[in-house]
Every structure is written in structure tokens, then in C-alpha cells.
């Protein structure tokens, strides 16, 4: 069985991608959660991950790090990770890669923190541009391939890559179009996403760096996490 190493569910958007993907597709795995540590995670994460980061997948003696690499590794072994249709598959890979390497302003100004609600101080031009691009991308996929998922009738990896964004929209009340807000809710309604979110609210770990990012972003309105 696969072993998937992740970090705090409240904060770790990168961990969430393969966790949701494998859970939603029914790919069995053992979860090993190693919390973020104060002052850095290099030594503790290096015990299981060559680059000292999460997520990291172990399959016997094979170690696969980075969420996109994990996705491709699973795609070689399990049906349904990417769409069967070639055009949809090409689009889905591009959209997942864009999320993987882009959206820097979104990451900077709206870091993952599932259990709080924050009113942002401001949205700069770069942030607004990325939110517009997000809506454009989602609209393209849903209209081109017919929905209800980004690349067609079935959930695939491209949807998993955008589930953390759906939670950022909720946390910060991001000003996205009604169409995008509706799709974000659709992603949050996935059974795997609901389980992840419930686990995140139950966590009692707090990481100062992640907490500070959310405090700097805006005014905290609510903290729904277990104290």
C-alpha cells in the first residue's frame, strides 16, 4: 500500500492535492501526518522526503516527492487520474501545471488556513488579475468539456489541484464571479474535501509562520478551529 506523507491539514495546500485525489478515486493509502515545526522543517521532513517538503509518496522502495510528480506516478498505475479523452487530458494537464507553477499573488496574499475567516486589507492588481484568470480558466474547462468537473463528467487530477483554492476563496471571501463561487462550493462539497476540512478544524497545532501570514492578510473575523 502507498504511504502518503503530509503536513497540517489546516495549512498544507500542497499535501491536500494528492490526498484528495487518492481519496476521491478510491486509491488506498496510509496517511502519515508530520506537523510543521517552528523554525523550519528541513530536518524532520528530510527523514521521509528528499527535498525536505510535503507531500511525499512512498511505494515500497520508490519515493516520489512533489504533488505533480505524485500525480503522474499514480496516473501510470491507476485509471481515472487524468481524463480519457486526449483533448480534455491535454487541457487538464495544462491547467494543473498552471496552478502548480503560477498564481503567486494568490499564494502570497491568501495562504491556506482552512479554519479561519479573514477580511482582506486590500487586493492589489496582480491579485485581481489572478482571480480573473482563475474564473476564466474554470469557465473554459466547464463549458468546453461539459462539466460538472473541470475536464468533463468525472473528477480528475485537475480538480484536485484546485480544491485548495476553493478553501482559500472561503477563508478570505475572495471576490470571484458567481460562477466561480458556485464551482468552488462544488469542490468543497466533495466527500474527500469535507473529510480533510473536518480534520483541519480538529487540529490543535499552530504554526507561527502560517498564522502570521493570515494575520497580515487582513482582519480575522472568526476562528472555527478546535482550541
C-alpha atoms as a PDB file:
ATOM      1  CA  UNK A   1       0.000   0.000   0.000  1.00  0.00           C
ATOM      2  CA  UNK A   2       1.106   3.554  -0.655  1.00  0.00           C
ATOM      3  CA  UNK A   3       2.187   5.764   2.218  1.00  0.00           C
ATOM      4  CA  UNK A   4       1.451   9.463   1.774  1.00  0.00           C
ATOM      5  CA  UNK A   5       3.345  11.903   3.981  1.00  0.00           C
ATOM      6  CA  UNK A   6       1.575  15.192   4.556  1.00  0.00           C
ATOM      7  CA  UNK A   7       1.665  18.134   6.972  1.00  0.00           C
ATOM      8  CA  UNK A   8      -1.060  20.028   8.865  1.00  0.00           C
ATOM      9  CA  UNK A   9      -4.364  19.819   7.037  1.00  0.00           C
ATOM     10  CA  UNK A  10      -5.242  23.356   8.086  1.00  0.00           C
ATOM     11  CA  UNK A  11      -2.261  24.807   6.196  1.00  0.00           C
ATOM     12  CA  UNK A  12      -0.807  22.365   3.667  1.00  0.00           C
ATOM     13  CA  UNK A  13      -2.414  23.016   0.296  1.00  0.00           C
ATOM     14  CA  UNK A  14       0.285  21.002  -1.473  1.00  0.00           C
ATOM     15  CA  UNK A  15      -0.468  17.957   0.693  1.00  0.00           C
ATOM     16  CA  UNK A  16      -4.171  18.327   0.029  1.00  0.00           C
ATOM     17  CA  UNK A  17      -3.854  17.725  -3.710  1.00  0.00           C
ATOM     18  CA  UNK A  18      -2.733  14.055  -3.741  1.00  0.00           C
ATOM     19  CA  UNK A  19      -4.700  13.292  -0.568  1.00  0.00           C
ATOM     20  CA  UNK A  20      -7.954  14.425  -2.181  1.00  0.00           C
ATOM     21  CA  UNK A  21      -7.035  12.819  -5.496  1.00  0.00           C
ATOM     22  CA  UNK A  22      -6.326   9.412  -3.989  1.00  0.00           C
ATOM     23  CA  UNK A  23      -9.281   9.581  -1.609  1.00  0.00           C
ATOM     24  CA  UNK A  24     -11.765  10.608  -4.288  1.00  0.00           C
ATOM     25  CA  UNK A  25     -10.570   7.931  -6.734  1.00  0.00           C
ATOM     26  CA  UNK A  26     -10.512   5.213  -4.080  1.00  0.00           C
ATOM     27  CA  UNK A  27      -6.758   4.591  -4.294  1.00  0.00           C
ATOM     28  CA  UNK A  28      -5.809   3.029  -0.938  1.00  0.00           C
ATOM     29  CA  UNK A  29      -3.032   4.692   1.061  1.00  0.00           C
ATOM     30  CA  UNK A  30      -1.777   5.119   4.581  1.00  0.00           C
ATOM     31  CA  UNK A  31      -1.649   8.713   5.771  1.00  0.00           C
ATOM     32  CA  UNK A  32       1.317   9.912   7.821  1.00  0.00           C
ATOM     33  CA  UNK A  33       0.944  13.461   9.068  1.00  0.00           C
ATOM     34  CA  UNK A  34       4.071  15.247  10.286  1.00  0.00           C
ATOM     35  CA  UNK A  35       3.210  18.723  11.624  1.00  0.00           C
ATOM     36  CA  UNK A  36       5.068  21.839  10.593  1.00  0.00           C
ATOM     37  CA  UNK A  37       7.714  22.722  13.154  1.00  0.00           C
ATOM     38  CA  UNK A  38       8.683  26.108  14.491  1.00  0.00           C
ATOM     39  CA  UNK A  39      11.747  27.494  12.759  1.00  0.00           C
ATOM     40  CA  UNK A  40      11.690  25.164   9.767  1.00  0.00           C
ATOM     41  CA  UNK A  41      11.003  21.582   8.753  1.00  0.00           C
ATOM     42  CA  UNK A  42      14.120  20.599   6.830  1.00  0.00           C
ATOM     43  CA  UNK A  43      15.455  18.015   9.249  1.00  0.00           C
ATOM     44  CA  UNK A  44      12.128  16.433  10.205  1.00  0.00           C
ATOM     45  CA  UNK A  45      10.780  16.274   6.650  1.00  0.00           C
ATOM     46  CA  UNK A  46      14.091  15.051   5.251  1.00  0.00           C
ATOM     47  CA  UNK A  47      13.516  11.839   7.197  1.00  0.00           C
ATOM     48  CA  UNK A  48      10.977  10.829   4.530  1.00  0.00           C
ATOM     49  CA  UNK A  49      11.286  13.370   1.683  1.00  0.00           C
ATOM     50  CA  UNK A  50      14.459  14.065  -0.350  1.00  0.00           C
ATOM     51  CA  UNK A  51      13.628  17.750  -0.801  1.00  0.00           C
ATOM     52  CA  UNK A  52      12.513  18.259   2.788  1.00  0.00           C
ATOM     53  CA  UNK A  53       8.958  19.143   1.753  1.00  0.00           C
ATOM     54  CA  UNK A  54       5.486  17.650   1.668  1.00  0.00           C
ATOM     55  CA  UNK A  55       3.738  15.829   0.143  1.00  0.00           C
ATOM     56  CA  UNK A  56       5.834  12.750  -0.425  1.00  0.00           C
ATOM     57  CA  UNK A  57       4.611   9.346  -1.587  1.00  0.00           C
ATOM     58  CA  UNK A  58       6.315   6.062  -0.691  1.00  0.00           C
ATOM     59  CA  UNK A  59       5.572   2.976  -2.748  1.00  0.00           C
ATOM     60  CA  UNK A  60       7.817   0.262  -1.360  1.00  0.00           C
ATOM     61  CA  UNK A  61      11.358   1.380  -2.143  1.00  0.00           C
ATOM     62  CA  UNK A  62      10.156   4.054  -4.564  1.00  0.00           C
ATOM     63  CA  UNK A  63       9.937   7.586  -3.190  1.00  0.00           C
ATOM     64  CA  UNK A  64       8.048  10.243  -5.170  1.00  0.00           C
ATOM     65  CA  UNK A  65       8.089  13.848  -3.992  1.00  0.00           C
ATOM     66  CA  UNK A  66       6.200  16.890  -5.303  1.00  0.00           C
ATOM     67  CA  UNK A  67       2.442  16.834  -5.856  1.00  0.00           C
ATOM     68  CA  UNK A  68       2.640  16.930  -9.651  1.00  0.00           C
ATOM     69  CA  UNK A  69       5.170  14.096  -9.780  1.00  0.00           C
ATOM     70  CA  UNK A  70       2.975  12.059  -7.431  1.00  0.00           C
ATOM     71  CA  UNK A  71       0.010  12.665  -9.732  1.00  0.00           C
ATOM     72  CA  UNK A  72       1.880  11.426 -12.792  1.00  0.00           C
ATOM     73  CA  UNK A  73       3.232   8.409 -10.892  1.00  0.00           C
ATOM     74  CA  UNK A  74      -0.322   7.449  -9.896  1.00  0.00           C
ATOM     75  CA  UNK A  75      -1.582   8.049 -13.441  1.00  0.00           C
ATOM     76  CA  UNK A  76       0.772   5.343 -14.694  1.00  0.00           C
ATOM     77  CA  UNK A  77      -0.803   2.859 -12.297  1.00  0.00           C
ATOM     78  CA  UNK A  78      -4.462   3.801 -11.901  1.00  0.00           C
ATOM     79  CA  UNK A  79      -7.212   4.728 -14.362  1.00  0.00           C
ATOM     80  CA  UNK A  80      -9.087   7.973 -13.972  1.00  0.00           C
ATOM     81  CA  UNK A  81      -6.296  10.217 -12.704  1.00  0.00           C
ATOM     82  CA  UNK A  82      -6.420  12.158 -15.978  1.00  0.00           C
ATOM     83  CA  UNK A  83      -9.345  12.297 -18.457  1.00  0.00           C
ATOM     84  CA  UNK A  84      -9.549   9.519 -21.036  1.00  0.00           C
ATOM     85  CA  UNK A  85     -10.243  11.965 -23.866  1.00  0.00           C
ATOM     86  CA  UNK A  86      -6.981  13.252 -25.345  1.00  0.00           C
ATOM     87  CA  UNK A  87      -8.078  16.876 -25.732  1.00  0.00           C
ATOM     88  CA  UNK A  88      -9.504  17.008 -22.218  1.00  0.00           C
ATOM     89  CA  UNK A  89      -6.387  15.318 -20.867  1.00  0.00           C
ATOM     90  CA  UNK A  90      -4.087  17.862 -22.516  1.00  0.00           C
ATOM     91  CA  UNK A  91      -6.154  20.760 -21.172  1.00  0.00           C
ATOM     92  CA  UNK A  92      -6.309  19.232 -17.689  1.00  0.00           C
ATOM     93  CA  UNK A  93      -2.543  18.794 -17.551  1.00  0.00           C
ATOM     94  CA  UNK A  94      -2.015  22.420 -18.625  1.00  0.00           C
ATOM     95  CA  UNK A  95      -4.499  23.733 -16.062  1.00  0.00           C
ATOM     96  CA  UNK A  96      -2.971  21.643 -13.263  1.00  0.00           C
ATOM     97  CA  UNK A  97       0.531  22.748 -14.218  1.00  0.00           C
ATOM     98  CA  UNK A  98      -0.605  26.392 -14.256  1.00  0.00           C
ATOM     99  CA  UNK A  99      -1.840  26.014 -10.693  1.00  0.00           C
ATOM    100  CA  UNK A 100       1.321  24.188  -9.718  1.00  0.00           C
ATOM    101  CA  UNK A 101       3.718  26.841 -11.009  1.00  0.00           C
ATOM    102  CA  UNK A 102       1.635  30.012 -11.066  1.00  0.00           C
ATOM    103  CA  UNK A 103      -0.827  32.086  -9.065  1.00  0.00           C
ATOM    104  CA  UNK A 104       1.953  33.623  -6.975  1.00  0.00           C
ATOM    105  CA  UNK A 105      -0.112  36.590  -5.792  1.00  0.00           C
ATOM    106  CA  UNK A 106      -2.867  34.258  -4.607  1.00  0.00           C
ATOM    107  CA  UNK A 107      -0.356  32.248  -2.590  1.00  0.00           C
ATOM    108  CA  UNK A 108       1.275  35.381  -1.203  1.00  0.00           C
ATOM    109  CA  UNK A 109      -1.860  37.228  -0.126  1.00  0.00           C
ATOM    110  CA  UNK A 110      -4.194  34.327   0.699  1.00  0.00           C
ATOM    111  CA  UNK A 111      -2.205  31.490   2.209  1.00  0.00           C
ATOM    112  CA  UNK A 112      -4.025  28.287   3.095  1.00  0.00           C
ATOM    113  CA  UNK A 113      -5.703  28.444   6.510  1.00  0.00           C
ATOM    114  CA  UNK A 114      -8.902  26.409   6.352  1.00  0.00           C
ATOM    115  CA  UNK A 115     -10.274  27.118   9.801  1.00  0.00           C
ATOM    116  CA  UNK A 116     -10.369  30.916   9.915  1.00  0.00           C
ATOM    117  CA  UNK A 117     -12.340  33.644   8.186  1.00  0.00           C
ATOM    118  CA  UNK A 118     -10.470  36.794   7.200  1.00  0.00           C
ATOM    119  CA  UNK A 119     -11.447  40.113   5.655  1.00  0.00           C
ATOM    120  CA  UNK A 120      -8.563  41.122   3.387  1.00  0.00           C
ATOM    121  CA  UNK A 121      -6.942  44.521   3.863  1.00  0.00           C
ATOM    122  CA  UNK A 122      -6.614  45.038   0.120  1.00  0.00           C
ATOM    123  CA  UNK A 123      -6.312  43.308  -3.256  1.00  0.00           C
ATOM    124  CA  UNK A 124      -3.549  44.588  -5.499  1.00  0.00           C
ATOM    125  CA  UNK A 125      -3.687  44.491  -9.272  1.00  0.00           C
ATOM    126  CA  UNK A 126      -1.707  41.262  -9.561  1.00  0.00           C
ATOM    127  CA  UNK A 127      -4.071  39.520  -7.146  1.00  0.00           C
ATOM    128  CA  UNK A 128      -7.159  40.744  -9.012  1.00  0.00           C
ATOM    129  CA  UNK A 129      -5.635  39.628 -12.308  1.00  0.00           C
ATOM    130  CA  UNK A 130      -5.088  36.125 -10.959  1.00  0.00           C
ATOM    131  CA  UNK A 131      -8.625  35.894  -9.601  1.00  0.00           C
ATOM    132  CA  UNK A 132      -9.924  36.902 -13.020  1.00  0.00           C
ATOM    133  CA  UNK A 133      -7.712  34.271 -14.627  1.00  0.00           C
ATOM    134  CA  UNK A 134      -8.998  31.670 -12.190  1.00  0.00           C
ATOM    135  CA  UNK A 135     -12.593  32.386 -13.194  1.00  0.00           C
ATOM    136  CA  UNK A 136     -11.641  32.361 -16.861  1.00  0.00           C
ATOM    137  CA  UNK A 137      -9.881  29.010 -16.521  1.00  0.00           C
ATOM    138  CA  UNK A 138     -12.709  27.346 -14.627  1.00  0.00           C
ATOM    139  CA  UNK A 139     -15.287  28.696 -17.060  1.00  0.00           C
ATOM    140  CA  UNK A 140     -13.305  27.426 -20.034  1.00  0.00           C
ATOM    141  CA  UNK A 141     -12.983  23.908 -18.688  1.00  0.00           C
ATOM    142  CA  UNK A 142     -16.591  23.559 -17.569  1.00  0.00           C
ATOM    143  CA  UNK A 143     -18.039  24.964 -20.781  1.00  0.00           C
ATOM    144  CA  UNK A 144     -15.661  23.214 -23.151  1.00  0.00           C
ATOM    145  CA  UNK A 145     -15.937  19.742 -21.624  1.00  0.00           C
ATOM    146  CA  UNK A 146     -19.484  19.911 -20.283  1.00  0.00           C
ATOM    147  CA  UNK A 147     -18.864  19.618 -16.522  1.00  0.00           C
ATOM    148  CA  UNK A 148     -19.699  19.095 -13.781  1.00  0.00           C
ATOM    149  CA  UNK A 149     -15.925  18.834 -13.293  1.00  0.00           C
ATOM    150  CA  UNK A 150     -13.234  20.884 -14.951  1.00  0.00           C
ATOM    151  CA  UNK A 151     -12.383  18.342 -17.646  1.00  0.00           C
ATOM    152  CA  UNK A 152     -15.702  16.583 -18.068  1.00  0.00           C
ATOM    153  CA  UNK A 153     -18.142  14.315 -16.309  1.00  0.00           C
ATOM    154  CA  UNK A 154     -15.624  12.703 -13.943  1.00  0.00           C
ATOM    155  CA  UNK A 155     -13.425  14.060 -11.165  1.00  0.00           C
ATOM    156  CA  UNK A 156      -9.751  14.022 -12.176  1.00  0.00           C
ATOM    157  CA  UNK A 157      -6.420  15.400 -11.003  1.00  0.00           C
ATOM    158  CA  UNK A 158      -7.066  18.891 -12.338  1.00  0.00           C
ATOM    159  CA  UNK A 159      -9.979  19.235  -9.907  1.00  0.00           C
ATOM    160  CA  UNK A 160      -7.794  18.053  -7.031  1.00  0.00           C
ATOM    161  CA  UNK A 161      -5.255  20.754  -7.819  1.00  0.00           C
ATOM    162  CA  UNK A 162      -7.900  23.462  -7.394  1.00  0.00           C
ATOM    163  CA  UNK A 163      -9.590  22.189  -4.213  1.00  0.00           C
ATOM    164  CA  UNK A 164      -7.175  24.192  -2.003  1.00  0.00           C
ATOM    165  CA  UNK A 165      -8.125  27.323  -3.965  1.00  0.00           C
ATOM    166  CA  UNK A 166     -11.780  26.648  -3.161  1.00  0.00           C
ATOM    167  CA  UNK A 167     -10.888  26.795   0.526  1.00  0.00           C
ATOM    168  CA  UNK A 168      -8.891  29.989   0.075  1.00  0.00           C
ATOM    169  CA  UNK A 169     -11.988  31.533  -1.508  1.00  0.00           C
ATOM    170  CA  UNK A 170     -13.961  30.547   1.597  1.00  0.00           C
ATOM    171  CA  UNK A 171     -11.339  31.674   4.111  1.00  0.00           C
ATOM    172  CA  UNK A 172     -10.785  35.129   2.661  1.00  0.00           C
ATOM    173  CA  UNK A 173     -14.144  35.749   0.985  1.00  0.00           C
ATOM    174  CA  UNK A 174     -12.315  36.303  -2.288  1.00  0.00           C
ATOM    175  CA  UNK A 175     -14.252  38.372  -4.832  1.00  0.00           C
ATOM    176  CA  UNK A 176     -14.754  35.819  -7.575  1.00  0.00           C
ATOM    177  CA  UNK A 177     -17.636  35.645 -10.040  1.00  0.00           C
ATOM    178  CA  UNK A 178     -20.866  33.885  -9.009  1.00  0.00           C
ATOM    179  CA  UNK A 179     -19.947  31.152 -11.493  1.00  0.00           C
ATOM    180  CA  UNK A 180     -16.556  30.607  -9.832  1.00  0.00           C
ATOM    181  CA  UNK A 181     -18.058  30.794  -6.337  1.00  0.00           C
ATOM    182  CA  UNK A 182     -20.532  28.073  -7.286  1.00  0.00           C
ATOM    183  CA  UNK A 183     -17.814  25.805  -8.632  1.00  0.00           C
ATOM    184  CA  UNK A 184     -15.668  26.421  -5.541  1.00  0.00           C
ATOM    185  CA  UNK A 185     -18.581  25.221  -3.419  1.00  0.00           C
ATOM    186  CA  UNK A 186     -18.901  22.171  -5.672  1.00  0.00           C
ATOM    187  CA  UNK A 187     -15.249  21.321  -4.928  1.00  0.00           C
ATOM    188  CA  UNK A 188     -15.701  21.867  -1.194  1.00  0.00           C
ATOM    189  CA  UNK A 189     -18.692  19.508  -1.306  1.00  0.00           C
ATOM    190  CA  UNK A 190     -16.537  16.589  -2.443  1.00  0.00           C
ATOM    191  CA  UNK A 191     -16.628  13.892   0.225  1.00  0.00           C
ATOM    192  CA  UNK A 192     -12.825  13.837   0.440  1.00  0.00           C
ATOM    193  CA  UNK A 193     -12.650  17.631   0.760  1.00  0.00           C
ATOM    194  CA  UNK A 194     -15.224  17.594   3.552  1.00  0.00           C
ATOM    195  CA  UNK A 195     -13.219  14.963   5.445  1.00  0.00           C
ATOM    196  CA  UNK A 196      -9.998  16.953   5.034  1.00  0.00           C
ATOM    197  CA  UNK A 197     -11.707  20.131   6.246  1.00  0.00           C
ATOM    198  CA  UNK A 198     -13.219  18.389   9.284  1.00  0.00           C
ATOM    199  CA  UNK A 199      -9.793  17.042  10.205  1.00  0.00           C
ATOM    200  CA  UNK A 200      -8.283  20.520   9.751  1.00  0.00           C
ATOM    201  CA  UNK A 201     -10.772  22.041  12.199  1.00  0.00           C
ATOM    202  CA  UNK A 202      -9.913  19.404  14.789  1.00  0.00           C
ATOM    203  CA  UNK A 203      -6.174  20.098  14.664  1.00  0.00           C
ATOM    204  CA  UNK A 204      -4.732  21.870  17.688  1.00  0.00           C
ATOM    205  CA  UNK A 205      -1.280  22.542  16.184  1.00  0.00           C
ATOM    206  CA  UNK A 206      -0.495  26.147  15.377  1.00  0.00           C
ATOM    207  CA  UNK A 207       2.414  27.164  13.182  1.00  0.00           C
ATOM    208  CA  UNK A 208       3.528  30.753  13.773  1.00  0.00           C
ATOM    209  CA  UNK A 209       4.659  31.390  10.200  1.00  0.00           C
ATOM    210  CA  UNK A 210       1.332  30.309   8.714  1.00  0.00           C
ATOM    211  CA  UNK A 211      -0.652  32.132  11.388  1.00  0.00           C
ATOM    212  CA  UNK A 212       1.304  35.327  10.785  1.00  0.00           C
ATOM    213  CA  UNK A 213       0.616  35.157   7.049  1.00  0.00           C
ATOM    214  CA  UNK A 214      -3.128  35.063   7.652  1.00  0.00           C
ATOM    215  CA  UNK A 215      -2.951  37.860  10.239  1.00  0.00           C
ATOM    216  CA  UNK A 216      -1.007  40.072   7.851  1.00  0.00           C
ATOM    217  CA  UNK A 217      -3.542  39.433   5.094  1.00  0.00           C
ATOM    218  CA  UNK A 218      -6.448  41.050   6.879  1.00  0.00           C
ATOM    219  CA  UNK A 219      -8.799  41.270   9.837  1.00  0.00           C
ATOM    220  CA  UNK A 220      -9.685  37.953  11.445  1.00  0.00           C
ATOM    221  CA  UNK A 221     -13.445  37.608  11.699  1.00  0.00           C
ATOM    222  CA  UNK A 222     -13.717  34.076  13.024  1.00  0.00           C
ATOM    223  CA  UNK A 223     -11.604  31.111  14.114  1.00  0.00           C
ATOM    224  CA  UNK A 224     -13.502  27.848  13.775  1.00  0.00           C
ATOM    225  CA  UNK A 225     -10.673  25.567  14.846  1.00  0.00           C
ATOM    226  CA  UNK A 226     -10.560  23.494  18.000  1.00  0.00           C
ATOM    227  CA  UNK A 227      -8.749  25.457  20.686  1.00  0.00           C
END
